[in-house]
Amino acid sequence: MATARIPRKKSVSKSNVIRMPAAIAAPRDEEIARRAYEIFLTRGAEHGRDLEDWLEAEREITERAVEPVVFQDSARR
């Protein structure tokens, strides 16, 4: 009877890993809550859309924290 081989995980060199600061990787709940409340007030304090407000605040904060990285082709210089 043949058994399936499970591939081994390749070890990752620490020099190849890019670490993101914790503040960028996961915005703090207090900051998201503050922005969600601002969205709530801007909308006229309409109840029942708390999850929508939270997700919008989270998206805004995450986009603001992460700036796009532009790679240039060294051959084009």
N, C-alpha and C. Protein backbone atom coordinates (compact mmCIF):
# COMPACT_ATOMS: atom_id res chain seq x y z
N MET A 1 0.84 -1.17 0.00
CA MET A 1 0.00 0.00 0.00
C MET A 1 0.89 1.24 0.00
N ALA A 2 0.62 2.15 -0.93
CA ALA A 2 1.42 3.37 -1.04
C ALA A 2 0.87 4.43 -0.10
N THR A 3 1.77 5.16 0.49
CA THR A 3 1.34 6.25 1.37
C THR A 3 1.68 7.58 0.71
N ALA A 4 0.85 8.56 0.93
CA ALA A 4 1.09 9.89 0.37
C ALA A 4 2.19 10.58 1.15
N ARG A 5 3.02 11.26 0.42
CA ARG A 5 4.09 12.01 1.07
C ARG A 5 3.61 13.43 1.33
N ILE A 6 3.86 13.88 2.51
CA ILE A 6 3.51 15.25 2.89
C ILE A 6 4.76 16.10 2.70
N PRO A 7 4.65 17.13 1.85
CA PRO A 7 5.84 17.96 1.62
C PRO A 7 6.24 18.71 2.88
N ARG A 8 7.54 18.81 3.07
CA ARG A 8 8.06 19.57 4.21
C ARG A 8 7.98 21.06 3.93
N LYS A 9 7.76 21.79 4.99
CA LYS A 9 7.77 23.25 4.85
C LYS A 9 9.20 23.70 4.68
N LYS A 10 9.39 24.59 3.72
CA LYS A 10 10.73 25.14 3.52
C LYS A 10 10.99 26.18 4.59
N SER A 11 12.19 26.19 5.09
CA SER A 11 12.51 27.21 6.08
C SER A 11 12.69 28.55 5.38
N VAL A 12 12.26 29.58 6.04
CA VAL A 12 12.33 30.93 5.48
C VAL A 12 13.48 31.66 6.15
N SER A 13 14.33 32.22 5.33
CA SER A 13 15.44 32.99 5.85
C SER A 13 14.91 34.28 6.47
N LYS A 14 15.44 34.67 7.62
CA LYS A 14 14.98 35.90 8.27
C LYS A 14 15.25 37.13 7.42
N SER A 15 16.24 37.06 6.53
CA SER A 15 16.54 38.20 5.68
C SER A 15 15.48 38.40 4.60
N ASN A 16 14.67 37.38 4.31
CA ASN A 16 13.63 37.47 3.29
C ASN A 16 12.28 37.89 3.85
N VAL A 17 12.16 38.04 5.14
CA VAL A 17 10.89 38.36 5.77
C VAL A 17 10.80 39.87 5.98
N ILE A 18 9.68 40.42 5.55
CA ILE A 18 9.43 41.85 5.78
C ILE A 18 8.46 41.94 6.94
N ARG A 19 8.86 42.62 7.98
CA ARG A 19 8.00 42.76 9.16
C ARG A 19 7.31 44.12 9.11
N MET A 20 6.02 44.10 9.39
CA MET A 20 5.26 45.34 9.43
C MET A 20 5.10 45.77 10.88
N PRO A 21 5.23 47.05 11.15
CA PRO A 21 4.98 47.51 12.51
C PRO A 21 3.56 47.15 12.94
N ALA A 22 3.38 46.85 14.19
CA ALA A 22 2.06 46.43 14.70
C ALA A 22 1.00 47.49 14.46
N ALA A 23 1.39 48.76 14.51
CA ALA A 23 0.42 49.84 14.32
C ALA A 23 -0.14 49.82 12.90
N ILE A 24 0.66 49.39 11.94
CA ILE A 24 0.18 49.32 10.57
C ILE A 24 -0.60 48.03 10.35
N ALA A 25 -0.10 46.94 10.89
CA ALA A 25 -0.73 45.65 10.67
C ALA A 25 -2.13 45.58 11.26
N ALA A 26 -2.34 46.13 12.43
CA ALA A 26 -3.65 46.06 13.07
C ALA A 26 -3.93 47.37 13.80
N PRO A 27 -4.77 48.22 13.21
CA PRO A 27 -5.10 49.46 13.89
C PRO A 27 -5.78 49.19 15.24
N ARG A 28 -5.55 50.05 16.17
CA ARG A 28 -6.12 49.86 17.51
C ARG A 28 -7.63 50.04 17.48
N ASP A 29 -8.31 49.27 18.29
CA ASP A 29 -9.77 49.33 18.35
C ASP A 29 -10.26 50.72 18.76
N GLU A 30 -9.51 51.40 19.64
CA GLU A 30 -9.94 52.73 20.09
C GLU A 30 -9.98 53.71 18.91
N GLU A 31 -8.98 53.62 18.04
CA GLU A 31 -8.92 54.51 16.88
C GLU A 31 -10.07 54.22 15.92
N ILE A 32 -10.34 52.95 15.70
CA ILE A 32 -11.44 52.57 14.80
C ILE A 32 -12.77 53.01 15.41
N ALA A 33 -12.95 52.79 16.70
CA ALA A 33 -14.19 53.18 17.36
C ALA A 33 -14.42 54.68 17.28
N ARG A 34 -13.37 55.46 17.46
CA ARG A 34 -13.47 56.92 17.38
C ARG A 34 -13.93 57.34 15.99
N ARG A 35 -13.30 56.76 14.95
CA ARG A 35 -13.66 57.12 13.58
C ARG A 35 -15.06 56.62 13.23
N ALA A 36 -15.43 55.44 13.70
CA ALA A 36 -16.78 54.91 13.44
C ALA A 36 -17.83 55.83 14.06
N TYR A 37 -17.53 56.36 15.25
CA TYR A 37 -18.46 57.28 15.90
C TYR A 37 -18.58 58.59 15.11
N GLU A 38 -17.46 59.06 14.55
CA GLU A 38 -17.51 60.25 13.71
C GLU A 38 -18.37 60.02 12.48
N ILE A 39 -18.24 58.85 11.87
CA ILE A 39 -19.07 58.50 10.71
C ILE A 39 -20.53 58.47 11.11
N PHE A 40 -20.82 57.87 12.25
CA PHE A 40 -22.17 57.80 12.79
C PHE A 40 -22.78 59.20 12.95
N LEU A 41 -22.00 60.11 13.53
CA LEU A 41 -22.50 61.47 13.73
C LEU A 41 -22.68 62.20 12.41
N THR A 42 -21.77 62.01 11.49
CA THR A 42 -21.84 62.67 10.18
C THR A 42 -23.09 62.23 9.42
N ARG A 43 -23.49 60.98 9.61
CA ARG A 43 -24.66 60.43 8.96
C ARG A 43 -25.95 60.87 9.65
N GLY A 44 -25.85 61.66 10.69
CA GLY A 44 -27.05 62.13 11.39
C GLY A 44 -27.44 61.25 12.56
N ALA A 45 -26.50 60.51 13.11
CA ALA A 45 -26.72 59.64 14.27
C ALA A 45 -27.82 58.61 14.02
N GLU A 46 -27.86 58.09 12.80
CA GLU A 46 -28.84 57.07 12.44
C GLU A 46 -28.39 55.72 12.99
N HIS A 47 -29.21 55.11 13.83
CA HIS A 47 -28.87 53.84 14.46
C HIS A 47 -29.08 52.67 13.51
N GLY A 48 -28.43 51.54 13.82
CA GLY A 48 -28.63 50.32 13.07
C GLY A 48 -27.59 50.05 12.00
N ARG A 49 -26.59 50.91 11.89
CA ARG A 49 -25.56 50.71 10.87
C ARG A 49 -24.18 50.67 11.52
N ASP A 50 -24.11 50.18 12.74
CA ASP A 50 -22.86 50.19 13.49
C ASP A 50 -21.78 49.33 12.84
N LEU A 51 -22.14 48.17 12.33
CA LEU A 51 -21.13 47.32 11.68
C LEU A 51 -20.60 47.99 10.41
N GLU A 52 -21.50 48.57 9.64
CA GLU A 52 -21.10 49.28 8.43
C GLU A 52 -20.14 50.44 8.77
N ASP A 53 -20.46 51.20 9.82
CA ASP A 53 -19.61 52.30 10.25
C ASP A 53 -18.24 51.80 10.70
N TRP A 54 -18.23 50.70 11.45
CA TRP A 54 -16.98 50.12 11.95
C TRP A 54 -16.09 49.69 10.78
N LEU A 55 -16.67 48.97 9.82
CA LEU A 55 -15.89 48.48 8.69
C LEU A 55 -15.35 49.63 7.83
N GLU A 56 -16.16 50.67 7.65
CA GLU A 56 -15.70 51.84 6.90
C GLU A 56 -14.54 52.52 7.62
N ALA A 57 -14.66 52.68 8.92
CA ALA A 57 -13.59 53.30 9.71
C ALA A 57 -12.32 52.46 9.64
N GLU A 58 -12.46 51.16 9.76
CA GLU A 58 -11.31 50.26 9.69
C GLU A 58 -10.62 50.36 8.33
N ARG A 59 -11.41 50.41 7.26
CA ARG A 59 -10.86 50.53 5.90
C ARG A 59 -10.10 51.84 5.74
N GLU A 60 -10.70 52.95 6.18
CA GLU A 60 -10.06 54.25 6.07
C GLU A 60 -8.72 54.29 6.81
N ILE A 61 -8.72 53.79 8.02
CA ILE A 61 -7.52 53.83 8.86
C ILE A 61 -6.43 52.94 8.28
N THR A 62 -6.80 51.78 7.79
CA THR A 62 -5.83 50.87 7.20
C THR A 62 -5.23 51.46 5.93
N GLU A 63 -6.06 52.04 5.08
CA GLU A 63 -5.55 52.66 3.85
C GLU A 63 -4.61 53.82 4.16
N ARG A 64 -4.93 54.58 5.16
CA ARG A 64 -4.11 55.73 5.53
C ARG A 64 -2.76 55.28 6.09
N ALA A 65 -2.75 54.15 6.80
CA ALA A 65 -1.53 53.67 7.46
C ALA A 65 -0.56 53.01 6.49
N VAL A 66 -1.06 52.45 5.41
CA VAL A 66 -0.21 51.72 4.48
C VAL A 66 -0.08 52.51 3.19
N GLU A 67 1.12 52.97 2.91
CA GLU A 67 1.36 53.69 1.67
C GLU A 67 1.87 52.71 0.63
N PRO A 68 1.49 52.91 -0.63
CA PRO A 68 1.95 51.99 -1.66
C PRO A 68 3.46 52.07 -1.86
N VAL A 69 4.05 50.94 -2.17
CA VAL A 69 5.48 50.87 -2.43
C VAL A 69 5.68 50.80 -3.92
N VAL A 70 6.51 51.68 -4.46
CA VAL A 70 6.76 51.71 -5.89
C VAL A 70 8.15 51.17 -6.16
N PHE A 71 8.22 50.13 -6.97
CA PHE A 71 9.50 49.56 -7.34
C PHE A 71 9.86 50.08 -8.72
N GLN A 72 11.09 50.54 -8.87
CA GLN A 72 11.54 51.04 -10.15
C GLN A 72 12.45 50.02 -10.82
N ASP A 73 12.30 49.87 -12.09
CA ASP A 73 13.14 48.97 -12.85
C ASP A 73 14.49 49.65 -13.06
N SER A 74 15.55 49.05 -12.53
CA SER A 74 16.87 49.67 -12.61
C SER A 74 17.37 49.76 -14.04
N ALA A 75 16.85 48.96 -14.96
CA ALA A 75 17.29 49.00 -16.36
C ALA A 75 16.77 50.22 -17.09
N ARG A 76 15.73 50.84 -16.57
CA ARG A 76 15.12 52.00 -17.24
C ARG A 76 15.81 53.30 -16.92
N ARG A 77 16.73 53.32 -16.01
CA ARG A 77 17.36 54.58 -15.58
C ARG A 77 18.19 55.19 -16.63
